[in-house]
Amino acid sequence: MELKELTIKICELFDCTHVDELPIKIKSALFGENPSCYFDKYAELCSDLSVDYLQKVFQFYHADRSDKKQDYTPTMLARLVGMLTTSTKEKSVYDCCAGSGSLTIQKWVINQNLKFVCEELDENVIPLLLFNLSVRNIEASVVNKNILTGEVVSSYELTRGVKYAVITKNLFIKEELQQCSTGISNPPFNLKINACEYISKCLPENYTSNFAFVAHCLQRSDRQVAIILPTGVLSSKEELECRRYYVEKGWLKAVISMPENMFESTQIPTCILVFDKQKKSK
């Protein structure tokens, strides 16, 4: 389905006069009287639930590439990350920058019995994430959160239903760092933050937070982590000590270099870093 046709049909489904209304209209549908009606119509329109069609629309019209560095994950990369972290003992999956859920969906395609913990900064994309999870009957915790500062805006629980997951908003927000079997993420590339304010006074003033996301995923995961990053993390002087730390720790399992132009919105070449916390080889 062409993007223009897809956008028109999805806007019609949620009664949008303009695509800018999509996040708020989806949120109204989710917490309205009959969300199942929207799920039924969406499943009829987009029958292949292995594809994140909402992402295709959102990334074209709403992605914030200047401040939040939002470059949404291509399905082929999301699928590869899912396969790289699959194990027989896997029960739960953590994503610190879930977006609309493209990585989560590909893990769900592999194993529909997994539980997910999805954290996402952008309040506008949370309704799309909730809709994607619920229409696929995925059990999950969703937190609207800045993981670099720890600030939590809102959180939700999704429990499996007969056909679709049921969403409950947590009225009392508290910081619960749920531990998962596996970590996956495609965080913002080369996001500059004021490290003096958020992390540590010993870091550079404009710290590139690539490895901060790595550290967070490793903290929240029991064993395997696969994270998509710009290839520059393999050679930049600023991140030398970060690389040294993980090599000496022995957790780095593989580095997979990807070609340029895999993302629709950026030509930056990327790589996948694969970690295993039970691996000790240096």
Protein backbone atom coordinates (compact mmCIF):
# COMPACT_ATOMS: atom_id res chain seq x y z
CA MET A 1 0.00 0.00 0.00
CA GLU A 2 1.42 3.40 -1.00
CA LEU A 3 2.12 5.85 1.85
CA LYS A 4 -0.42 8.43 0.64
CA GLU A 5 -3.19 5.85 0.33
CA LEU A 6 -2.25 4.32 3.69
CA THR A 7 -2.29 7.73 5.38
CA ILE A 8 -5.74 8.56 3.97
CA LYS A 9 -7.23 5.24 5.08
CA ILE A 10 -5.75 5.44 8.60
CA CYS A 11 -6.95 9.04 8.97
CA GLU A 12 -10.44 7.95 7.89
CA LEU A 13 -10.36 5.12 10.42
CA PHE A 14 -9.62 7.49 13.30
CA ASP A 15 -11.76 10.34 11.94
CA CYS A 16 -8.84 12.72 11.40
CA THR A 17 -9.29 15.80 9.26
CA HIS A 18 -5.48 16.10 9.14
CA VAL A 19 -2.65 13.69 9.89
CA ASP A 20 -1.43 16.02 12.68
CA GLU A 21 -4.46 14.93 14.69
CA LEU A 22 -3.51 11.25 14.55
CA PRO A 23 -1.82 10.84 17.98
CA ILE A 24 -4.65 12.51 19.91
CA LYS A 25 -7.34 10.72 17.88
CA ILE A 26 -5.73 7.32 18.50
CA LYS A 27 -5.53 8.12 22.21
CA SER A 28 -9.24 9.01 22.24
CA ALA A 29 -10.03 5.73 20.47
CA LEU A 30 -7.98 3.71 22.97
CA PHE A 31 -9.68 5.18 26.02
CA GLY A 32 -13.13 5.62 24.51
CA GLU A 33 -16.19 3.41 24.91
CA ASN A 34 -15.38 0.79 22.27
CA PRO A 35 -11.67 0.48 21.39
CA SER A 36 -12.24 -3.03 19.97
CA CYS A 37 -14.18 -1.48 17.10
CA TYR A 38 -11.04 0.42 16.03
CA PHE A 39 -8.86 -2.68 16.47
CA ASP A 40 -11.21 -4.70 14.25
CA LYS A 41 -11.20 -2.07 11.52
CA TYR A 42 -7.43 -1.61 11.71
CA ALA A 43 -6.81 -5.37 11.49
CA GLU A 44 -9.05 -5.49 8.43
CA LEU A 45 -7.20 -2.57 6.81
CA CYS A 46 -3.69 -3.72 7.81
CA SER A 47 -4.02 -7.49 8.01
CA ASP A 48 -0.27 -8.21 8.21
CA LEU A 49 0.41 -7.51 11.88
CA SER A 50 4.11 -8.23 11.44
CA VAL A 51 4.36 -4.76 9.86
CA ASP A 52 4.16 -1.49 11.81
CA TYR A 53 2.01 0.52 9.42
CA LEU A 54 1.46 3.31 11.96
CA GLN A 55 5.21 3.85 12.05
CA LYS A 56 5.29 4.42 8.29
CA VAL A 57 2.84 7.31 8.64
CA PHE A 58 4.26 8.76 11.85
CA GLN A 59 7.91 8.79 10.77
CA PHE A 60 7.06 10.69 7.58
CA TYR A 61 4.84 13.35 9.15
CA HIS A 62 5.84 13.58 12.81
CA ALA A 63 9.42 12.39 13.40
CA ASP A 64 11.52 14.98 15.27
CA ARG A 65 14.94 14.58 13.65
CA SER A 66 16.44 17.87 14.86
CA ASP A 67 16.06 17.67 18.66
CA LYS A 68 15.09 14.07 19.46
CA LYS A 69 17.06 12.48 16.59
CA GLN A 70 14.11 10.22 15.71
CA ASP A 71 15.05 7.82 12.91
CA TYR A 72 12.59 4.95 12.94
CA THR A 73 13.90 1.40 12.62
CA PRO A 74 13.56 -0.37 9.25
CA THR A 75 11.72 -3.69 9.54
CA MET A 76 14.72 -5.68 8.29
CA LEU A 77 16.96 -4.28 11.06
CA ALA A 78 14.28 -4.79 13.71
CA ARG A 79 13.92 -8.40 12.58
CA LEU A 80 17.70 -8.94 12.72
CA VAL A 81 17.91 -7.51 16.25
CA GLY A 82 15.08 -9.83 17.26
CA MET A 83 16.84 -12.89 15.89
CA LEU A 84 20.20 -11.97 17.44
CA THR A 85 18.72 -11.92 20.94
CA THR A 86 16.45 -14.96 20.75
CA SER A 87 16.98 -17.73 23.30
CA THR A 88 14.97 -20.59 24.75
CA LYS A 89 15.10 -19.03 28.24
CA GLU A 90 13.84 -15.65 27.11
CA LYS A 91 10.68 -14.50 28.92
CA SER A 92 10.70 -10.70 28.84
CA VAL A 93 12.18 -7.95 26.67
CA TYR A 94 13.17 -4.36 27.49
CA ASP A 95 13.38 -1.47 25.02
CA CYS A 96 14.51 1.90 26.38
CA CYS A 97 13.50 3.84 23.22
CA ALA A 98 10.50 1.90 21.94
CA GLY A 99 9.05 4.45 19.52
CA SER A 100 5.87 3.04 18.00
CA GLY A 101 7.06 -0.49 18.75
CA SER A 102 8.80 -1.74 15.61
CA LEU A 103 11.46 -3.72 17.52
CA THR A 104 8.85 -5.06 19.92
CA ILE A 105 6.67 -6.24 17.04
CA GLN A 106 9.51 -8.21 15.47
CA LYS A 107 10.31 -9.90 18.80
CA TRP A 108 6.61 -10.71 19.15
CA VAL A 109 6.60 -12.26 15.66
CA ILE A 110 9.33 -14.65 16.84
CA ASN A 111 7.72 -15.45 20.20
CA GLN A 112 4.19 -14.31 21.01
CA ASN A 113 4.47 -15.39 24.67
CA LEU A 114 7.01 -12.73 25.62
CA LYS A 115 6.25 -9.85 27.97
CA PHE A 116 7.64 -6.40 27.09
CA VAL A 117 8.75 -3.31 28.97
CA CYS A 118 8.66 -0.36 26.56
CA GLU A 119 9.93 3.08 27.54
CA GLU A 120 9.61 6.08 25.24
CA LEU A 121 10.33 9.81 25.61
CA ASP A 122 7.98 11.26 22.98
CA GLU A 123 4.48 11.74 24.39
CA ASN A 124 3.05 11.99 20.86
CA VAL A 125 4.17 8.49 19.90
CA ILE A 126 2.86 6.78 23.08
CA PRO A 127 -0.71 6.37 21.69
CA LEU A 128 0.69 4.63 18.58
CA LEU A 129 2.79 2.34 20.75
CA LEU A 130 -0.19 1.47 22.95
CA PHE A 131 -2.38 0.82 19.91
CA ASN A 132 0.25 -1.40 18.26
CA LEU A 133 0.63 -3.49 21.39
CA SER A 134 -3.07 -3.79 22.13
CA VAL A 135 -4.17 -4.74 18.61
CA ARG A 136 -1.61 -7.58 18.70
CA ASN A 137 -2.72 -8.69 22.20
CA ILE A 138 0.78 -8.13 23.62
CA GLU A 139 1.38 -8.10 27.37
CA ALA A 140 3.49 -5.08 28.26
CA SER A 141 4.37 -2.19 30.54
CA VAL A 142 4.61 1.15 28.71
CA VAL A 143 6.33 4.12 30.33
CA ASN A 144 6.46 7.65 28.93
CA LYS A 145 9.89 8.50 30.31
CA ASN A 146 13.19 10.26 29.78
CA ILE A 147 15.60 7.46 30.65
CA LEU A 148 18.61 9.80 30.82
CA THR A 149 17.05 11.90 33.58
CA GLY A 150 14.71 9.29 35.08
CA GLU A 151 11.69 11.60 34.73
CA VAL A 152 8.43 9.62 34.33
CA VAL A 153 5.40 11.35 32.77
CA SER A 154 2.91 8.48 32.64
CA SER A 155 2.76 4.69 32.61
CA TYR A 156 0.38 1.97 31.45
CA GLU A 157 -0.12 -1.77 31.83
CA LEU A 158 -1.38 -4.00 29.04
CA THR A 159 -2.81 -7.41 29.92
CA ARG A 160 -3.76 -10.03 27.36
CA GLY A 161 -7.44 -10.32 26.57
CA VAL A 162 -9.47 -12.76 24.47
CA LYS A 163 -8.53 -10.94 21.26
CA TYR A 164 -6.91 -7.62 22.17
CA ALA A 165 -4.83 -6.45 25.12
CA VAL A 166 -6.58 -4.36 27.77
CA ILE A 167 -4.91 -1.04 28.67
CA THR A 168 -4.90 0.32 32.22
CA LYS A 169 -3.32 3.66 33.06
CA ASN A 170 -1.34 3.70 36.30
CA LEU A 171 -2.83 6.43 38.46
CA PHE A 172 0.10 6.49 40.87
CA ILE A 173 3.37 6.87 38.99
CA LYS A 174 6.40 5.42 40.69
CA GLU A 175 9.82 4.51 39.39
CA GLU A 176 10.03 0.73 39.02
CA LEU A 177 13.07 -0.55 37.14
CA GLN A 178 11.63 -3.83 35.89
CA GLN A 179 14.30 -6.39 35.02
CA CYS A 180 13.99 -8.34 31.75
CA SER A 181 15.67 -11.31 30.10
CA THR A 182 16.72 -9.36 27.01
CA GLY A 183 17.39 -5.78 25.93
CA ILE A 184 16.83 -4.33 22.45
CA SER A 185 16.94 -0.74 21.27
CA ASN A 186 17.44 1.74 18.46
CA PRO A 187 18.14 4.90 20.48
CA PRO A 188 18.64 8.41 19.05
CA PHE A 189 21.97 8.61 17.21
CA ASN A 190 24.65 10.93 18.64
CA LEU A 191 22.21 12.70 20.93
CA LYS A 192 24.02 15.53 22.72
CA ILE A 193 23.05 16.14 26.34
CA ASN A 194 24.33 18.31 29.16
CA ALA A 195 26.15 15.63 31.11
CA CYS A 196 27.00 18.05 33.91
CA GLU A 197 23.28 18.37 34.64
CA TYR A 198 22.14 14.80 34.03
CA ILE A 199 24.90 12.29 34.64
CA SER A 200 28.31 13.27 35.98
CA LYS A 201 30.50 16.35 36.24
CA CYS A 202 33.51 14.35 35.04
CA LEU A 203 32.06 13.87 31.54
CA PRO A 204 32.41 16.34 28.64
CA GLU A 205 29.94 19.24 28.70
CA ASN A 206 28.19 18.08 25.51
CA TYR A 207 28.29 14.35 26.03
CA THR A 208 27.20 12.04 23.19
CA SER A 209 24.83 9.63 24.89
CA ASN A 210 25.19 6.56 22.63
CA PHE A 211 26.84 4.44 25.32
CA ALA A 212 24.54 5.82 28.02
CA PHE A 213 21.72 3.97 26.24
CA VAL A 214 23.92 0.85 26.05
CA ALA A 215 24.61 1.02 29.79
CA HIS A 216 20.92 1.47 30.57
CA CYS A 217 19.87 -1.54 28.47
CA LEU A 218 22.56 -3.68 30.08
CA GLN A 219 21.48 -2.60 33.55
CA ARG A 220 17.88 -3.62 32.87
CA SER A 221 18.63 -6.94 31.12
CA ASP A 222 19.75 -10.25 32.61
CA ARG A 223 21.73 -11.50 29.66
CA GLN A 224 21.61 -10.51 25.99
CA VAL A 225 21.36 -7.00 24.54
CA ALA A 226 21.38 -5.89 20.88
CA ILE A 227 21.43 -2.18 20.16
CA ILE A 228 21.57 -0.24 16.89
CA LEU A 229 24.05 2.65 16.89
CA PRO A 230 25.87 4.88 14.39
CA THR A 231 29.11 3.30 13.14
CA GLY A 232 31.03 6.25 14.59
CA VAL A 233 30.82 4.67 18.05
CA LEU A 234 33.42 2.12 16.87
CA SER A 235 36.12 4.74 16.29
CA SER A 236 35.28 8.09 17.93
CA LYS A 237 37.87 9.45 20.38
CA GLU A 238 35.14 10.67 22.71
CA GLU A 239 33.81 7.12 23.19
CA LEU A 240 37.17 5.34 23.42
CA GLU A 241 36.90 4.68 27.15
CA CYS A 242 33.35 3.37 26.74
CA ARG A 243 34.57 0.84 24.17
CA ARG A 244 37.53 -0.11 26.35
CA TYR A 245 35.23 -0.70 29.34
CA TYR A 246 32.96 -3.18 27.53
CA VAL A 247 35.84 -5.02 25.87
CA GLU A 248 37.59 -5.43 29.22
CA LYS A 249 34.31 -6.40 30.87
CA GLY A 250 34.12 -9.28 28.41
CA TRP A 251 30.45 -8.79 27.56
CA LEU A 252 30.85 -7.67 23.93
CA LYS A 253 29.77 -10.63 21.81
CA ALA A 254 29.66 -9.21 18.28
CA VAL A 255 29.87 -6.04 16.21
CA ILE A 256 27.89 -6.07 12.97
CA SER A 257 28.54 -3.24 10.52
CA MET A 258 25.61 -2.26 8.32
CA PRO A 259 25.71 -0.41 4.98
CA GLU A 260 24.66 3.20 4.44
CA ASN A 261 21.12 4.27 3.51
CA MET A 262 19.29 1.59 5.49
CA PHE A 263 17.17 4.26 7.19
CA GLU A 264 14.71 6.35 5.21
CA SER A 265 15.59 9.57 7.03
CA THR A 266 19.37 9.41 7.40
CA GLN A 267 22.33 8.21 5.35
CA ILE A 268 24.42 7.53 8.48
CA PRO A 269 25.97 4.03 8.37
CA THR A 270 24.98 2.00 11.40
CA CYS A 271 26.13 -1.01 13.38
CA ILE A 272 24.62 -3.46 15.84
CA LEU A 273 26.44 -4.10 19.08
CA VAL A 274 25.56 -7.45 20.63
CA PHE A 275 26.30 -8.06 24.32
CA ASP A 276 26.05 -11.14 26.51
CA LYS A 277 26.40 -10.53 30.25
CA GLN A 278 27.28 -14.18 30.82
CA LYS A 279 30.17 -13.96 28.35
CA LYS A 280 33.59 -13.34 29.94
CA SER A 281 36.00 -13.55 26.99
CA LYS A 282 38.07 -10.41 26.31
